[in-house]
PDB file of N, CA and C in Angstrom:
ATOM      1  N   UNK A   1       0.485  68.947  70.695  1.00  0.00           N
ATOM      2  CA  UNK A   1       1.588  68.586  69.815  1.00  0.00           C
ATOM      3  C   UNK A   1       2.158  67.201  70.177  1.00  0.00           C
ATOM      4  N   UNK A   2       2.117  66.865  71.446  1.00  0.00           N
ATOM      5  CA  UNK A   2       2.675  65.572  71.851  1.00  0.00           C
ATOM      6  C   UNK A   2       1.687  64.452  71.529  1.00  0.00           C
ATOM      7  N   UNK A   3       2.174  63.474  70.770  1.00  0.00           N
ATOM      8  CA  UNK A   3       1.351  62.322  70.430  1.00  0.00           C
ATOM      9  C   UNK A   3       1.475  61.289  71.531  1.00  0.00           C
ATOM     10  N   UNK A   4       0.407  60.510  71.723  1.00  0.00           N
ATOM     11  CA  UNK A   4       0.478  59.435  72.713  1.00  0.00           C
ATOM     12  C   UNK A   4       1.349  58.324  72.154  1.00  0.00           C
ATOM     13  N   UNK A   5       2.306  57.828  72.957  1.00  0.00           N
ATOM     14  CA  UNK A   5       3.142  56.729  72.452  1.00  0.00           C
ATOM     15  C   UNK A   5       2.329  55.454  72.282  1.00  0.00           C
ATOM     16  N   UNK A   6       2.739  54.653  71.323  1.00  0.00           N
ATOM     17  CA  UNK A   6       2.042  53.394  71.082  1.00  0.00           C
ATOM     18  C   UNK A   6       2.401  52.385  72.170  1.00  0.00           C
ATOM     19  N   UNK A   7       1.619  51.314  72.232  1.00  0.00           N
ATOM     20  CA  UNK A   7       1.864  50.267  73.248  1.00  0.00           C
ATOM     21  C   UNK A   7       3.272  49.694  73.110  1.00  0.00           C
ATOM     22  N   UNK A   8       3.717  49.485  71.863  1.00  0.00           N
ATOM     23  CA  UNK A   8       5.048  48.913  71.630  1.00  0.00           C
ATOM     24  C   UNK A   8       6.136  49.852  72.131  1.00  0.00           C
ATOM     25  N   UNK A   9       5.988  51.142  71.882  1.00  0.00           N
ATOM     26  CA  UNK A   9       6.968  52.121  72.348  1.00  0.00           C
ATOM     27  C   UNK A   9       7.044  52.135  73.873  1.00  0.00           C
ATOM     28  N   UNK A  10       5.887  52.052  74.525  1.00  0.00           N
ATOM     29  CA  UNK A  10       5.844  52.043  75.989  1.00  0.00           C
ATOM     30  C   UNK A  10       6.541  50.799  76.526  1.00  0.00           C
ATOM     31  N   UNK A  11       6.271  49.634  75.922  1.00  0.00           N
ATOM     32  CA  UNK A  11       6.896  48.382  76.347  1.00  0.00           C
ATOM     33  C   UNK A  11       8.413  48.455  76.196  1.00  0.00           C
ATOM     34  N   UNK A  12       8.881  48.989  75.070  1.00  0.00           N
ATOM     35  CA  UNK A  12      10.316  49.106  74.820  1.00  0.00           C
ATOM     36  C   UNK A  12      10.956  50.020  75.858  1.00  0.00           C
ATOM     37  N   UNK A  13      10.328  51.164  76.108  1.00  0.00           N
ATOM     38  CA  UNK A  13      10.858  52.106  77.090  1.00  0.00           C
ATOM     39  C   UNK A  13      10.898  51.475  78.482  1.00  0.00           C
ATOM     40  N   UNK A  14       9.869  50.722  78.824  1.00  0.00           N
ATOM     41  CA  UNK A  14       9.818  50.055  80.130  1.00  0.00           C
ATOM     42  C   UNK A  14      10.948  49.050  80.263  1.00  0.00           C
ATOM     43  N   UNK A  15      11.178  48.261  79.206  1.00  0.00           N
ATOM     44  CA  UNK A  15      12.262  47.266  79.231  1.00  0.00           C
ATOM     45  C   UNK A  15      13.612  47.947  79.418  1.00  0.00           C
ATOM     46  N   UNK A  16      13.833  49.057  78.704  1.00  0.00           N
ATOM     47  CA  UNK A  16      15.101  49.787  78.814  1.00  0.00           C
ATOM     48  C   UNK A  16      15.289  50.291  80.242  1.00  0.00           C
ATOM     49  N   UNK A  17      14.232  50.873  80.808  1.00  0.00           N
ATOM     50  CA  UNK A  17      14.318  51.398  82.179  1.00  0.00           C
ATOM     51  C   UNK A  17      14.610  50.295  83.187  1.00  0.00           C
ATOM     52  N   UNK A  18      13.966  49.143  83.033  1.00  0.00           N
ATOM     53  CA  UNK A  18      14.178  48.029  83.960  1.00  0.00           C
ATOM     54  C   UNK A  18      15.619  47.520  83.853  1.00  0.00           C
ATOM     55  N   UNK A  19      16.127  47.383  82.626  1.00  0.00           N
ATOM     56  CA  UNK A  19      17.495  46.897  82.461  1.00  0.00           C
ATOM     57  C   UNK A  19      18.493  47.907  83.032  1.00  0.00           C
ATOM     58  N   UNK A  20      18.205  49.208  82.877  1.00  0.00           N
ATOM     59  CA  UNK A  20      19.073  50.248  83.451  1.00  0.00           C
ATOM     60  C   UNK A  20      19.074  50.160  84.966  1.00  0.00           C
ATOM     61  N   UNK A  21      17.896  49.917  85.561  1.00  0.00           N
ATOM     62  CA  UNK A  21      17.801  49.812  87.018  1.00  0.00           C
ATOM     63  C   UNK A  21      18.682  48.685  87.542  1.00  0.00           C
ATOM     64  N   UNK A  22      18.730  47.580  86.805  1.00  0.00           N
ATOM     65  CA  UNK A  22      19.546  46.439  87.217  1.00  0.00           C
ATOM     66  C   UNK A  22      21.034  46.756  87.103  1.00  0.00           C
ATOM     67  N   UNK A  23      21.424  47.586  86.114  1.00  0.00           N
ATOM     68  CA  UNK A  23      22.845  47.866  85.878  1.00  0.00           C
ATOM     69  C   UNK A  23      23.361  49.055  86.675  1.00  0.00           C
ATOM     70  N   UNK A  24      22.458  49.895  87.180  1.00  0.00           N
ATOM     71  CA  UNK A  24      22.884  51.124  87.861  1.00  0.00           C
ATOM     72  C   UNK A  24      23.923  50.917  88.958  1.00  0.00           C
ATOM     73  N   UNK A  25      23.768  49.949  89.867  1.00  0.00           N
ATOM     74  CA  UNK A  25      24.778  49.793  90.928  1.00  0.00           C
ATOM     75  C   UNK A  25      26.193  49.623  90.383  1.00  0.00           C
ATOM     76  N   UNK A  26      26.332  48.927  89.238  1.00  0.00           N
ATOM     77  CA  UNK A  26      27.655  48.730  88.657  1.00  0.00           C
ATOM     78  C   UNK A  26      28.229  50.051  88.156  1.00  0.00           C
ATOM     79  N   UNK A  27      27.385  50.873  87.535  1.00  0.00           N
ATOM     80  CA  UNK A  27      27.854  52.176  87.060  1.00  0.00           C
ATOM     81  C   UNK A  27      28.293  53.048  88.232  1.00  0.00           C
ATOM     82  N   UNK A  28      27.495  53.052  89.314  1.00  0.00           N
ATOM     83  CA  UNK A  28      27.849  53.843  90.491  1.00  0.00           C
ATOM     84  C   UNK A  28      29.148  53.349  91.100  1.00  0.00           C
ATOM     85  N   UNK A  29      29.300  52.035  91.227  1.00  0.00           N
ATOM     86  CA  UNK A  29      30.514  51.462  91.800  1.00  0.00           C
ATOM     87  C   UNK A  29      31.728  51.840  90.961  1.00  0.00           C
ATOM     88  N   UNK A  30      31.603  51.747  89.641  1.00  0.00           N
ATOM     89  CA  UNK A  30      32.701  52.109  88.747  1.00  0.00           C
ATOM     90  C   UNK A  30      33.061  53.577  88.900  1.00  0.00           C
ATOM     91  N   UNK A  31      32.059  54.444  88.942  1.00  0.00           N
ATOM     92  CA  UNK A  31      32.303  55.883  89.093  1.00  0.00           C
ATOM     93  C   UNK A  31      33.011  56.177  90.410  1.00  0.00           C
ATOM     94  N   UNK A  32      32.568  55.549  91.492  1.00  0.00           N
ATOM     95  CA  UNK A  32      33.186  55.777  92.801  1.00  0.00           C
ATOM     96  C   UNK A  32      34.631  55.307  92.801  1.00  0.00           C
ATOM     97  N   UNK A  33      34.910  54.147  92.197  1.00  0.00           N
ATOM     98  CA  UNK A  33      36.275  53.624  92.132  1.00  0.00           C
ATOM     99  C   UNK A  33      37.164  54.560  91.332  1.00  0.00           C
ATOM    100  N   UNK A  34      36.676  55.063  90.199  1.00  0.00           N
ATOM    101  CA  UNK A  34      37.463  55.980  89.366  1.00  0.00           C
ATOM    102  C   UNK A  34      37.787  57.252  90.147  1.00  0.00           C
ATOM    103  N   UNK A  35      36.787  57.826  90.811  1.00  0.00           N
ATOM    104  CA  UNK A  35      37.005  59.038  91.608  1.00  0.00           C
ATOM    105  C   UNK A  35      38.022  58.751  92.706  1.00  0.00           C
ATOM    106  N   UNK A  36      37.891  57.615  93.374  1.00  0.00           N
ATOM    107  CA  UNK A  36      38.810  57.225  94.442  1.00  0.00           C
ATOM    108  C   UNK A  36      40.240  57.122  93.906  1.00  0.00           C
ATOM    109  N   UNK A  37      40.414  56.504  92.747  1.00  0.00           N
ATOM    110  CA  UNK A  37      41.741  56.360  92.146  1.00  0.00           C
ATOM    111  C   UNK A  37      42.327  57.726  91.779  1.00  0.00           C
ATOM    112  N   UNK A  38      41.505  58.615  91.236  1.00  0.00           N
ATOM    113  CA  UNK A  38      41.980  59.952  90.872  1.00  0.00           C
ATOM    114  C   UNK A  38      42.466  60.683  92.117  1.00  0.00           C
ATOM    115  N   UNK A  39      41.670  60.613  93.198  1.00  0.00           N
ATOM    116  CA  UNK A  39      42.052  61.266  94.459  1.00  0.00           C
ATOM    117  C   UNK A  39      43.335  60.627  94.997  1.00  0.00           C
ATOM    118  N   UNK A  40      43.445  59.325  94.908  1.00  0.00           N
ATOM    119  CA  UNK A  40      44.597  58.590  95.438  1.00  0.00           C
ATOM    120  C   UNK A  40      45.902  58.993  94.738  1.00  0.00           C
ATOM    121  N   UNK A  41      45.826  59.206  93.438  1.00  0.00           N
ATOM    122  CA  UNK A  41      47.047  59.498  92.664  1.00  0.00           C
ATOM    123  C   UNK A  41      47.312  60.990  92.489  1.00  0.00           C
ATOM    124  N   UNK A  42      46.600  61.828  93.185  1.00  0.00           N
ATOM    125  CA  UNK A  42      46.847  63.277  93.099  1.00  0.00           C
ATOM    126  C   UNK A  42      48.139  63.644  93.787  1.00  0.00           C
TER     127      UNK A  42
END
């Protein structure tokens, strides 16, 4: 049932994954800061 993805689909998915990898540290830092602030103001 699963069709093989086309070359273009694979390239697009790869680009998205690479860009996410570059942005991940910022998301983690933001999440940690938010959690820290919530704990601080409890």
